[in-house]
């Protein structure tokens, strides 16, 4: 699983150690820029957990999954990767631990 828990980026002297930023850089360097490929490159930031499989079927979240996730201000996974969308909230095991959810 890919990840970092530090504000210092040990991968590179450039950037902030932000995994969404890493997914964006991966997409820029290694994929053809289209919506499907951009959305699939999110795997780098999520430990290979993606909302849809290759056939476009929803595979996450499922009942009984650990409710730990980050909300971003984006309309889809591709936009989140392409724009390095701002994070709005972080949940850990179902509890809001940072940010807010506008309703």
PDB file of N, CA and C in Angstrom:
ATOM      1  N   UNK A   1       0.838  -1.172   0.000  1.00  0.00           N
ATOM      2  CA  UNK A   1       0.000   0.000   0.000  1.00  0.00           C
ATOM      3  C   UNK A   1       0.886   1.239   0.000  1.00  0.00           C
ATOM      4  N   UNK A   2       0.502   2.195  -0.773  1.00  0.00           N
ATOM      5  CA  UNK A   2       1.223   3.449  -0.860  1.00  0.00           C
ATOM      6  C   UNK A   2       0.717   4.388   0.220  1.00  0.00           C
ATOM      7  N   UNK A   3       1.598   5.185   0.764  1.00  0.00           N
ATOM      8  CA  UNK A   3       1.118   6.143   1.746  1.00  0.00           C
ATOM      9  C   UNK A   3       2.226   6.934   2.385  1.00  0.00           C
ATOM     10  N   UNK A   4       1.816   7.952   3.070  1.00  0.00           N
ATOM     11  CA  UNK A   4       2.748   8.775   3.829  1.00  0.00           C
ATOM     12  C   UNK A   4       1.989   9.371   4.999  1.00  0.00           C
ATOM     13  N   UNK A   5       2.624   9.465   6.125  1.00  0.00           N
ATOM     14  CA  UNK A   5       1.980  10.087   7.273  1.00  0.00           C
ATOM     15  C   UNK A   5       2.813  11.260   7.777  1.00  0.00           C
ATOM     16  N   UNK A   6       3.544  11.857   6.873  1.00  0.00           N
ATOM     17  CA  UNK A   6       4.473  12.910   7.243  1.00  0.00           C
ATOM     18  C   UNK A   6       4.250  14.143   6.384  1.00  0.00           C
ATOM     19  N   UNK A   7       4.496  15.315   6.966  1.00  0.00           N
ATOM     20  CA  UNK A   7       4.439  16.523   6.172  1.00  0.00           C
ATOM     21  C   UNK A   7       5.692  16.679   5.329  1.00  0.00           C
ATOM     22  N   UNK A   8       6.734  15.966   5.673  1.00  0.00           N
ATOM     23  CA  UNK A   8       7.951  15.955   4.870  1.00  0.00           C
ATOM     24  C   UNK A   8       7.782  14.862   3.825  1.00  0.00           C
ATOM     25  N   UNK A   9       8.029  15.193   2.571  1.00  0.00           N
ATOM     26  CA  UNK A   9       7.863  14.224   1.496  1.00  0.00           C
ATOM     27  C   UNK A   9       9.159  13.438   1.325  1.00  0.00           C
ATOM     28  N   UNK A  10       9.175  12.221   1.829  1.00  0.00           N
ATOM     29  CA  UNK A  10      10.377  11.393   1.751  1.00  0.00           C
ATOM     30  C   UNK A  10      10.565  10.773   0.374  1.00  0.00           C
ATOM     31  N   UNK A  11       9.571  10.895  -0.506  1.00  0.00           N
ATOM     32  CA  UNK A  11       9.690  10.366  -1.863  1.00  0.00           C
ATOM     33  C   UNK A  11      10.487  11.311  -2.745  1.00  0.00           C
ATOM     34  N   UNK A  12      10.382  12.586  -2.460  1.00  0.00           N
ATOM     35  CA  UNK A  12      10.901  13.586  -3.378  1.00  0.00           C
ATOM     36  C   UNK A  12      11.050  14.914  -2.641  1.00  0.00           C
ATOM     37  N   UNK A  13      11.993  15.754  -3.061  1.00  0.00           N
ATOM     38  CA  UNK A  13      12.081  17.068  -2.436  1.00  0.00           C
ATOM     39  C   UNK A  13      10.990  18.022  -2.918  1.00  0.00           C
ATOM     40  N   UNK A  14      10.206  17.601  -3.906  1.00  0.00           N
ATOM     41  CA  UNK A  14       9.135  18.432  -4.458  1.00  0.00           C
ATOM     42  C   UNK A  14       7.800  17.961  -3.917  1.00  0.00           C
ATOM     43  N   UNK A  15       6.930  18.870  -3.625  1.00  0.00           N
ATOM     44  CA  UNK A  15       5.598  18.505  -3.174  1.00  0.00           C
ATOM     45  C   UNK A  15       5.500  18.408  -1.664  1.00  0.00           C
ATOM     46  N   UNK A  16       4.342  17.929  -1.203  1.00  0.00           N
ATOM     47  CA  UNK A  16       4.025  17.922   0.219  1.00  0.00           C
ATOM     48  C   UNK A  16       3.807  16.531   0.799  1.00  0.00           C
ATOM     49  N   UNK A  17       4.035  15.492   0.041  1.00  0.00           N
ATOM     50  CA  UNK A  17       3.739  14.155   0.533  1.00  0.00           C
ATOM     51  C   UNK A  17       2.262  13.822   0.429  1.00  0.00           C
ATOM     52  N   UNK A  18       1.521  14.603  -0.321  1.00  0.00           N
ATOM     53  CA  UNK A  18       0.080  14.434  -0.514  1.00  0.00           C
ATOM     54  C   UNK A  18      -0.155  13.300  -1.513  1.00  0.00           C
ATOM     55  N   UNK A  19      -0.888  12.263  -1.103  1.00  0.00           N
ATOM     56  CA  UNK A  19      -1.079  11.109  -1.976  1.00  0.00           C
ATOM     57  C   UNK A  19      -1.938  11.439  -3.199  1.00  0.00           C
ATOM     58  N   UNK A  20      -2.847  12.382  -3.094  1.00  0.00           N
ATOM     59  CA  UNK A  20      -3.611  12.802  -4.268  1.00  0.00           C
ATOM     60  C   UNK A  20      -2.690  13.520  -5.254  1.00  0.00           C
ATOM     61  N   UNK A  21      -1.738  14.263  -4.729  1.00  0.00           N
ATOM     62  CA  UNK A  21      -0.732  14.898  -5.576  1.00  0.00           C
ATOM     63  C   UNK A  21       0.122  13.833  -6.275  1.00  0.00           C
ATOM     64  N   UNK A  22       0.451  12.751  -5.560  1.00  0.00           N
ATOM     65  CA  UNK A  22       1.218  11.648  -6.164  1.00  0.00           C
ATOM     66  C   UNK A  22       0.415  10.992  -7.287  1.00  0.00           C
ATOM     67  N   UNK A  23      -0.887  10.787  -7.076  1.00  0.00           N
ATOM     68  CA  UNK A  23      -1.737  10.202  -8.114  1.00  0.00           C
ATOM     69  C   UNK A  23      -1.790  11.115  -9.335  1.00  0.00           C
ATOM     70  N   UNK A  24      -1.844  12.422  -9.106  1.00  0.00           N
ATOM     71  CA  UNK A  24      -1.851  13.389 -10.199  1.00  0.00           C
ATOM     72  C   UNK A  24      -0.553  13.316 -10.993  1.00  0.00           C
ATOM     73  N   UNK A  25       0.572  13.267 -10.312  1.00  0.00           N
ATOM     74  CA  UNK A  25       1.866  13.180 -10.992  1.00  0.00           C
ATOM     75  C   UNK A  25       1.986  11.877 -11.774  1.00  0.00           C
ATOM     76  N   UNK A  26       1.557  10.768 -11.172  1.00  0.00           N
ATOM     77  CA  UNK A  26       1.547   9.476 -11.860  1.00  0.00           C
ATOM     78  C   UNK A  26       0.728   9.580 -13.145  1.00  0.00           C
ATOM     79  N   UNK A  27      -0.457  10.183 -13.046  1.00  0.00           N
ATOM     80  CA  UNK A  27      -1.331  10.326 -14.211  1.00  0.00           C
ATOM     81  C   UNK A  27      -0.666  11.165 -15.301  1.00  0.00           C
ATOM     82  N   UNK A  28      -0.005  12.242 -14.905  1.00  0.00           N
ATOM     83  CA  UNK A  28       0.668  13.092 -15.887  1.00  0.00           C
ATOM     84  C   UNK A  28       1.787  12.354 -16.612  1.00  0.00           C
ATOM     85  N   UNK A  29       2.508  11.521 -15.893  1.00  0.00           N
ATOM     86  CA  UNK A  29       3.683  10.867 -16.464  1.00  0.00           C
ATOM     87  C   UNK A  29       3.389   9.567 -17.212  1.00  0.00           C
ATOM     88  N   UNK A  30       2.370   8.805 -16.763  1.00  0.00           N
ATOM     89  CA  UNK A  30       2.255   7.432 -17.242  1.00  0.00           C
ATOM     90  C   UNK A  30       0.955   7.035 -17.923  1.00  0.00           C
ATOM     91  N   UNK A  31      -0.037   7.893 -17.977  1.00  0.00           N
ATOM     92  CA  UNK A  31      -1.302   7.452 -18.584  1.00  0.00           C
ATOM     93  C   UNK A  31      -1.762   8.405 -19.677  1.00  0.00           C
ATOM     94  N   UNK A  32      -2.654   7.884 -20.528  1.00  0.00           N
ATOM     95  CA  UNK A  32      -3.339   8.731 -21.506  1.00  0.00           C
ATOM     96  C   UNK A  32      -4.418   9.504 -20.760  1.00  0.00           C
ATOM     97  N   UNK A  33      -4.484  10.814 -20.959  1.00  0.00           N
ATOM     98  CA  UNK A  33      -5.427  11.612 -20.175  1.00  0.00           C
ATOM     99  C   UNK A  33      -6.869  11.496 -20.673  1.00  0.00           C
ATOM    100  N   UNK A  34      -7.607  10.589 -20.083  1.00  0.00           N
ATOM    101  CA  UNK A  34      -9.044  10.527 -20.315  1.00  0.00           C
ATOM    102  C   UNK A  34      -9.708  10.218 -18.975  1.00  0.00           C
ATOM    103  N   UNK A  35     -11.015  10.346 -18.923  1.00  0.00           N
ATOM    104  CA  UNK A  35     -11.708  10.229 -17.641  1.00  0.00           C
ATOM    105  C   UNK A  35     -11.483   8.875 -16.972  1.00  0.00           C
ATOM    106  N   UNK A  36     -11.560   7.799 -17.740  1.00  0.00           N
ATOM    107  CA  UNK A  36     -11.391   6.477 -17.130  1.00  0.00           C
ATOM    108  C   UNK A  36      -9.979   6.297 -16.571  1.00  0.00           C
ATOM    109  N   UNK A  37      -8.975   6.640 -17.348  1.00  0.00           N
ATOM    110  CA  UNK A  37      -7.598   6.471 -16.880  1.00  0.00           C
ATOM    111  C   UNK A  37      -7.292   7.356 -15.672  1.00  0.00           C
ATOM    112  N   UNK A  38      -7.795   8.584 -15.694  1.00  0.00           N
ATOM    113  CA  UNK A  38      -7.596   9.460 -14.536  1.00  0.00           C
ATOM    114  C   UNK A  38      -8.244   8.864 -13.288  1.00  0.00           C
ATOM    115  N   UNK A  39      -9.464   8.366 -13.430  1.00  0.00           N
ATOM    116  CA  UNK A  39     -10.144   7.797 -12.262  1.00  0.00           C
ATOM    117  C   UNK A  39      -9.432   6.544 -11.763  1.00  0.00           C
ATOM    118  N   UNK A  40      -8.891   5.738 -12.661  1.00  0.00           N
ATOM    119  CA  UNK A  40      -8.174   4.520 -12.259  1.00  0.00           C
ATOM    120  C   UNK A  40      -6.860   4.850 -11.557  1.00  0.00           C
ATOM    121  N   UNK A  41      -6.260   5.990 -11.861  1.00  0.00           N
ATOM    122  CA  UNK A  41      -4.994   6.344 -11.219  1.00  0.00           C
ATOM    123  C   UNK A  41      -5.175   6.718  -9.747  1.00  0.00           C
ATOM    124  N   UNK A  42      -6.408   6.859  -9.304  1.00  0.00           N
ATOM    125  CA  UNK A  42      -6.681   7.129  -7.896  1.00  0.00           C
ATOM    126  C   UNK A  42      -6.180   5.991  -7.001  1.00  0.00           C
ATOM    127  N   UNK A  43      -5.975   4.802  -7.583  1.00  0.00           N
ATOM    128  CA  UNK A  43      -5.501   3.649  -6.809  1.00  0.00           C
ATOM    129  C   UNK A  43      -4.257   3.990  -5.990  1.00  0.00           C
ATOM    130  N   UNK A  44      -3.425   4.860  -6.521  1.00  0.00           N
ATOM    131  CA  UNK A  44      -2.174   5.201  -5.850  1.00  0.00           C
ATOM    132  C   UNK A  44      -2.422   5.905  -4.514  1.00  0.00           C
ATOM    133  N   UNK A  45      -3.476   6.690  -4.454  1.00  0.00           N
ATOM    134  CA  UNK A  45      -3.789   7.436  -3.232  1.00  0.00           C
ATOM    135  C   UNK A  45      -4.657   6.648  -2.260  1.00  0.00           C
ATOM    136  N   UNK A  46      -5.271   5.567  -2.719  1.00  0.00           N
ATOM    137  CA  UNK A  46      -6.246   4.856  -1.886  1.00  0.00           C
ATOM    138  C   UNK A  46      -5.828   3.447  -1.504  1.00  0.00           C
ATOM    139  N   UNK A  47      -4.607   3.067  -1.796  1.00  0.00           N
ATOM    140  CA  UNK A  47      -4.193   1.699  -1.487  1.00  0.00           C
ATOM    141  C   UNK A  47      -4.918   0.687  -2.345  1.00  0.00           C
ATOM    142  N   UNK A  48      -5.179   1.048  -3.591  1.00  0.00           N
ATOM    143  CA  UNK A  48      -5.832   0.192  -4.583  1.00  0.00           C
ATOM    144  C   UNK A  48      -7.319  -0.047  -4.315  1.00  0.00           C
ATOM    145  N   UNK A  49      -7.935   0.809  -3.526  1.00  0.00           N
ATOM    146  CA  UNK A  49      -9.384   0.747  -3.318  1.00  0.00           C
ATOM    147  C   UNK A  49     -10.006   1.802  -4.218  1.00  0.00           C
ATOM    148  N   UNK A  50     -10.850   1.354  -5.153  1.00  0.00           N
ATOM    149  CA  UNK A  50     -11.513   2.267  -6.083  1.00  0.00           C
ATOM    150  C   UNK A  50     -13.019   2.070  -6.000  1.00  0.00           C
ATOM    151  N   UNK A  51     -13.800   3.118  -6.248  1.00  0.00           N
ATOM    152  CA  UNK A  51     -15.255   2.987  -6.160  1.00  0.00           C
ATOM    153  C   UNK A  51     -15.855   2.066  -7.218  1.00  0.00           C
ATOM    154  N   UNK A  52     -15.262   2.043  -8.416  1.00  0.00           N
ATOM    155  CA  UNK A  52     -15.795   1.237  -9.516  1.00  0.00           C
ATOM    156  C   UNK A  52     -14.734   0.270 -10.019  1.00  0.00           C
ATOM    157  N   UNK A  53     -15.181  -0.912 -10.478  1.00  0.00           N
ATOM    158  CA  UNK A  53     -14.234  -1.841 -11.092  1.00  0.00           C
ATOM    159  C   UNK A  53     -14.071  -1.495 -12.572  1.00  0.00           C
ATOM    160  N   UNK A  54     -13.309  -2.288 -13.285  1.00  0.00           N
ATOM    161  CA  UNK A  54     -13.038  -2.021 -14.707  1.00  0.00           C
ATOM    162  C   UNK A  54     -14.308  -2.010 -15.559  1.00  0.00           C
ATOM    163  N   UNK A  55     -15.360  -2.706 -15.108  1.00  0.00           N
ATOM    164  CA  UNK A  55     -16.626  -2.757 -15.850  1.00  0.00           C
ATOM    165  C   UNK A  55     -17.563  -1.616 -15.479  1.00  0.00           C
ATOM    166  N   UNK A  56     -17.135  -0.763 -14.549  1.00  0.00           N
ATOM    167  CA  UNK A  56     -17.972   0.354 -14.130  1.00  0.00           C
ATOM    168  C   UNK A  56     -18.970   0.003 -13.045  1.00  0.00           C
ATOM    169  N   UNK A  57     -18.820  -1.162 -12.429  1.00  0.00           N
ATOM    170  CA  UNK A  57     -19.719  -1.589 -11.359  1.00  0.00           C
ATOM    171  C   UNK A  57     -19.190  -1.085 -10.019  1.00  0.00           C
ATOM    172  N   UNK A  58     -20.107  -0.628  -9.165  1.00  0.00           N
ATOM    173  CA  UNK A  58     -19.692  -0.124  -7.852  1.00  0.00           C
ATOM    174  C   UNK A  58     -19.198  -1.276  -6.989  1.00  0.00           C
ATOM    175  N   UNK A  59     -17.984  -1.140  -6.485  1.00  0.00           N
ATOM    176  CA  UNK A  59     -17.403  -2.160  -5.611  1.00  0.00           C
ATOM    177  C   UNK A  59     -17.026  -1.590  -4.240  1.00  0.00           C
ATOM    178  N   UNK A  60     -17.062  -0.286  -4.101  1.00  0.00           N
ATOM    179  CA  UNK A  60     -16.780   0.360  -2.822  1.00  0.00           C
ATOM    180  C   UNK A  60     -17.650   1.592  -2.702  1.00  0.00           C
ATOM    181  N   UNK A  61     -18.196   1.887  -1.602  1.00  0.00           N
ATOM    182  CA  UNK A  61     -18.163   1.119  -0.360  1.00  0.00           C
ATOM    183  C   UNK A  61     -19.200   0.005  -0.360  1.00  0.00           C
ATOM    184  N   UNK A  62     -18.949  -0.996   0.461  1.00  0.00           N
ATOM    185  CA  UNK A  62     -19.871  -2.114   0.648  1.00  0.00           C
ATOM    186  C   UNK A  62     -20.245  -2.186   2.128  1.00  0.00           C
ATOM    187  N   UNK A  63     -21.351  -2.851   2.395  1.00  0.00           N
ATOM    188  CA  UNK A  63     -21.739  -3.079   3.787  1.00  0.00           C
ATOM    189  C   UNK A  63     -20.603  -3.803   4.492  1.00  0.00           C
ATOM    190  N   UNK A  64     -20.358  -3.438   5.713  1.00  0.00           N
ATOM    191  CA  UNK A  64     -19.316  -4.016   6.568  1.00  0.00           C
ATOM    192  C   UNK A  64     -17.905  -3.513   6.259  1.00  0.00           C
ATOM    193  N   UNK A  65     -17.736  -2.640   5.264  1.00  0.00           N
ATOM    194  CA  UNK A  65     -16.420  -2.029   5.031  1.00  0.00           C
ATOM    195  C   UNK A  65     -16.097  -1.087   6.187  1.00  0.00           C
ATOM    196  N   UNK A  66     -14.818  -0.947   6.478  1.00  0.00           N
ATOM    197  CA  UNK A  66     -14.362   0.025   7.460  1.00  0.00           C
ATOM    198  C   UNK A  66     -14.700   1.417   6.922  1.00  0.00           C
ATOM    199  N   UNK A  67     -15.410   2.206   7.704  1.00  0.00           N
ATOM    200  CA  UNK A  67     -15.852   3.527   7.232  1.00  0.00           C
ATOM    201  C   UNK A  67     -14.776   4.577   7.477  1.00  0.00           C
ATOM    202  N   UNK A  68     -13.605   4.359   6.874  1.00  0.00           N
ATOM    203  CA  UNK A  68     -12.506   5.320   6.950  1.00  0.00           C
ATOM    204  C   UNK A  68     -12.262   5.843   5.547  1.00  0.00           C
ATOM    205  N   UNK A  69     -12.446   7.149   5.362  1.00  0.00           N
ATOM    206  CA  UNK A  69     -12.354   7.724   4.023  1.00  0.00           C
ATOM    207  C   UNK A  69     -12.166   9.228   4.117  1.00  0.00           C
ATOM    208  N   UNK A  70     -11.830   9.821   2.986  1.00  0.00           N
ATOM    209  CA  UNK A  70     -11.644  11.266   2.881  1.00  0.00           C
ATOM    210  C   UNK A  70     -12.616  11.788   1.830  1.00  0.00           C
ATOM    211  N   UNK A  71     -13.309  12.869   2.127  1.00  0.00           N
ATOM    212  CA  UNK A  71     -14.187  13.511   1.152  1.00  0.00           C
ATOM    213  C   UNK A  71     -13.421  14.623   0.457  1.00  0.00           C
ATOM    214  N   UNK A  72     -13.598  14.708  -0.850  1.00  0.00           N
ATOM    215  CA  UNK A  72     -12.956  15.767  -1.626  1.00  0.00           C
ATOM    216  C   UNK A  72     -14.023  16.572  -2.351  1.00  0.00           C
ATOM    217  N   UNK A  73     -13.709  17.804  -2.677  1.00  0.00           N
ATOM    218  CA  UNK A  73     -14.628  18.672  -3.406  1.00  0.00           C
ATOM    219  C   UNK A  73     -14.433  18.425  -4.897  1.00  0.00           C
ATOM    220  N   UNK A  74     -15.036  17.341  -5.394  1.00  0.00           N
ATOM    221  CA  UNK A  74     -14.917  16.955  -6.804  1.00  0.00           C
ATOM    222  C   UNK A  74     -16.171  16.207  -7.217  1.00  0.00           C
ATOM    223  N   UNK A  75     -16.486  16.275  -8.500  1.00  0.00           N
ATOM    224  CA  UNK A  75     -17.680  15.598  -9.005  1.00  0.00           C
ATOM    225  C   UNK A  75     -17.429  14.124  -9.289  1.00  0.00           C
ATOM    226  N   UNK A  76     -16.162  13.724  -9.418  1.00  0.00           N
ATOM    227  CA  UNK A  76     -15.830  12.331  -9.721  1.00  0.00           C
ATOM    228  C   UNK A  76     -14.355  12.084  -9.398  1.00  0.00           C
ATOM    229  N   UNK A  77     -13.958  10.822  -9.438  1.00  0.00           N
ATOM    230  CA  UNK A  77     -12.568  10.450  -9.146  1.00  0.00           C
ATOM    231  C   UNK A  77     -11.597  11.106 -10.108  1.00  0.00           C
ATOM    232  N   UNK A  78     -11.954  11.162 -11.384  1.00  0.00           N
ATOM    233  CA  UNK A  78     -11.063  11.757 -12.385  1.00  0.00           C
ATOM    234  C   UNK A  78     -10.793  13.223 -12.072  1.00  0.00           C
ATOM    235  N   UNK A  79     -11.828  13.953 -11.693  1.00  0.00           N
ATOM    236  CA  UNK A  79     -11.643  15.362 -11.338  1.00  0.00           C
ATOM    237  C   UNK A  79     -10.769  15.499 -10.095  1.00  0.00           C
ATOM    238  N   UNK A  80     -10.974  14.638  -9.116  1.00  0.00           N
ATOM    239  CA  UNK A  80     -10.164  14.689  -7.894  1.00  0.00           C
ATOM    240  C   UNK A  80      -8.686  14.539  -8.212  1.00  0.00           C
ATOM    241  N   UNK A  81      -8.349  13.609  -9.101  1.00  0.00           N
ATOM    242  CA  UNK A  81      -6.949  13.386  -9.479  1.00  0.00           C
ATOM    243  C   UNK A  81      -6.427  14.528 -10.338  1.00  0.00           C
ATOM    244  N   UNK A  82      -7.177  14.911 -11.354  1.00  0.00           N
ATOM    245  CA  UNK A  82      -6.708  15.926 -12.300  1.00  0.00           C
ATOM    246  C   UNK A  82      -6.518  17.288 -11.642  1.00  0.00           C
ATOM    247  N   UNK A  83      -7.397  17.655 -10.741  1.00  0.00           N
ATOM    248  CA  UNK A  83      -7.367  18.991 -10.138  1.00  0.00           C
ATOM    249  C   UNK A  83      -6.733  19.018  -8.747  1.00  0.00           C
ATOM    250  N   UNK A  84      -6.347  17.838  -8.242  1.00  0.00           N
ATOM    251  CA  UNK A  84      -5.867  17.721  -6.858  1.00  0.00           C
ATOM    252  C   UNK A  84      -6.850  18.474  -5.949  1.00  0.00           C
ATOM    253  N   UNK A  85      -8.081  18.012  -5.998  1.00  0.00           N
ATOM    254  CA  UNK A  85      -9.193  18.685  -5.315  1.00  0.00           C
ATOM    255  C   UNK A  85      -8.953  18.827  -3.816  1.00  0.00           C
ATOM    256  N   UNK A  86      -9.440  19.926  -3.249  1.00  0.00           N
ATOM    257  CA  UNK A  86      -9.273  20.118  -1.807  1.00  0.00           C
ATOM    258  C   UNK A  86     -10.074  19.092  -1.007  1.00  0.00           C
ATOM    259  N   UNK A  87      -9.495  18.660   0.088  1.00  0.00           N
ATOM    260  CA  UNK A  87     -10.180  17.746   0.989  1.00  0.00           C
ATOM    261  C   UNK A  87     -11.113  18.553   1.873  1.00  0.00           C
ATOM    262  N   UNK A  88     -12.302  18.016   2.138  1.00  0.00           N
ATOM    263  CA  UNK A  88     -13.273  18.730   2.962  1.00  0.00           C
ATOM    264  C   UNK A  88     -13.531  18.045   4.296  1.00  0.00           C
ATOM    265  N   UNK A  89     -13.317  16.734   4.361  1.00  0.00           N
ATOM    266  CA  UNK A  89     -13.560  16.016   5.615  1.00  0.00           C
ATOM    267  C   UNK A  89     -12.822  14.683   5.600  1.00  0.00           C
ATOM    268  N   UNK A  90     -12.452  14.241   6.793  1.00  0.00           N
ATOM    269  CA  UNK A  90     -11.824  12.935   6.968  1.00  0.00           C
ATOM    270  C   UNK A  90     -12.613  12.167   8.018  1.00  0.00           C
ATOM    271  N   UNK A  91     -12.927  10.914   7.693  1.00  0.00           N
ATOM    272  CA  UNK A  91     -13.632  10.027   8.614  1.00  0.00           C
ATOM    273  C   UNK A  91     -12.731   8.853   8.965  1.00  0.00           C
ATOM    274  N   UNK A  92     -12.765   8.457  10.235  1.00  0.00           N
ATOM    275  CA  UNK A  92     -12.033   7.276  10.682  1.00  0.00           C
ATOM    276  C   UNK A  92     -13.011   6.383  11.427  1.00  0.00           C
ATOM    277  N   UNK A  93     -13.219   5.195  10.887  1.00  0.00           N
ATOM    278  CA  UNK A  93     -14.152   4.225  11.468  1.00  0.00           C
ATOM    279  C   UNK A  93     -15.515   4.850  11.747  1.00  0.00           C
ATOM    280  N   UNK A  94     -15.980   5.634  10.767  1.00  0.00           N
ATOM    281  CA  UNK A  94     -17.312   6.209  10.843  1.00  0.00           C
ATOM    282  C   UNK A  94     -17.427   7.523  11.589  1.00  0.00           C
ATOM    283  N   UNK A  95     -16.349   7.985  12.192  1.00  0.00           N
ATOM    284  CA  UNK A  95     -16.378   9.224  12.968  1.00  0.00           C
ATOM    285  C   UNK A  95     -15.680  10.340  12.204  1.00  0.00           C
ATOM    286  N   UNK A  96     -16.326  11.497  12.130  1.00  0.00           N
ATOM    287  CA  UNK A  96     -15.709  12.674  11.527  1.00  0.00           C
ATOM    288  C   UNK A  96     -14.554  13.114  12.420  1.00  0.00           C
ATOM    289  N   UNK A  97     -13.327  13.102  11.872  1.00  0.00           N
ATOM    290  CA  UNK A  97     -12.157  13.481  12.674  1.00  0.00           C
ATOM    291  C   UNK A  97     -11.539  14.793  12.216  1.00  0.00           C
ATOM    292  N   UNK A  98     -11.920  15.258  11.034  1.00  0.00           N
ATOM    293  CA  UNK A  98     -11.419  16.543  10.550  1.00  0.00           C
ATOM    294  C   UNK A  98     -12.376  17.098   9.509  1.00  0.00           C
ATOM    295  N   UNK A  99     -12.531  18.407   9.484  1.00  0.00           N
ATOM    296  CA  UNK A  99     -13.332  19.063   8.462  1.00  0.00           C
ATOM    297  C   UNK A  99     -14.804  19.091   8.812  1.00  0.00           C
ATOM    298  N   UNK A 100     -15.600  19.293   7.765  1.00  0.00           N
ATOM    299  CA  UNK A 100     -17.046  19.355   7.958  1.00  0.00           C
ATOM    300  C   UNK A 100     -17.748  18.864   6.702  1.00  0.00           C
ATOM    301  N   UNK A 101     -18.998  18.495   6.899  1.00  0.00           N
ATOM    302  CA  UNK A 101     -19.835  18.039   5.797  1.00  0.00           C
ATOM    303  C   UNK A 101     -20.992  19.014   5.683  1.00  0.00           C
ATOM    304  N   UNK A 102     -21.024  19.773   4.590  1.00  0.00           N
ATOM    305  CA  UNK A 102     -22.112  20.728   4.374  1.00  0.00           C
ATOM    306  C   UNK A 102     -23.355  19.965   3.957  1.00  0.00           C
ATOM    307  N   UNK A 103     -24.456  20.299   4.508  1.00  0.00           N
ATOM    308  CA  UNK A 103     -25.664  19.560   4.192  1.00  0.00           C
ATOM    309  C   UNK A 103     -26.790  20.388   3.919  1.00  0.00           C
TER     310      UNK A 103
END
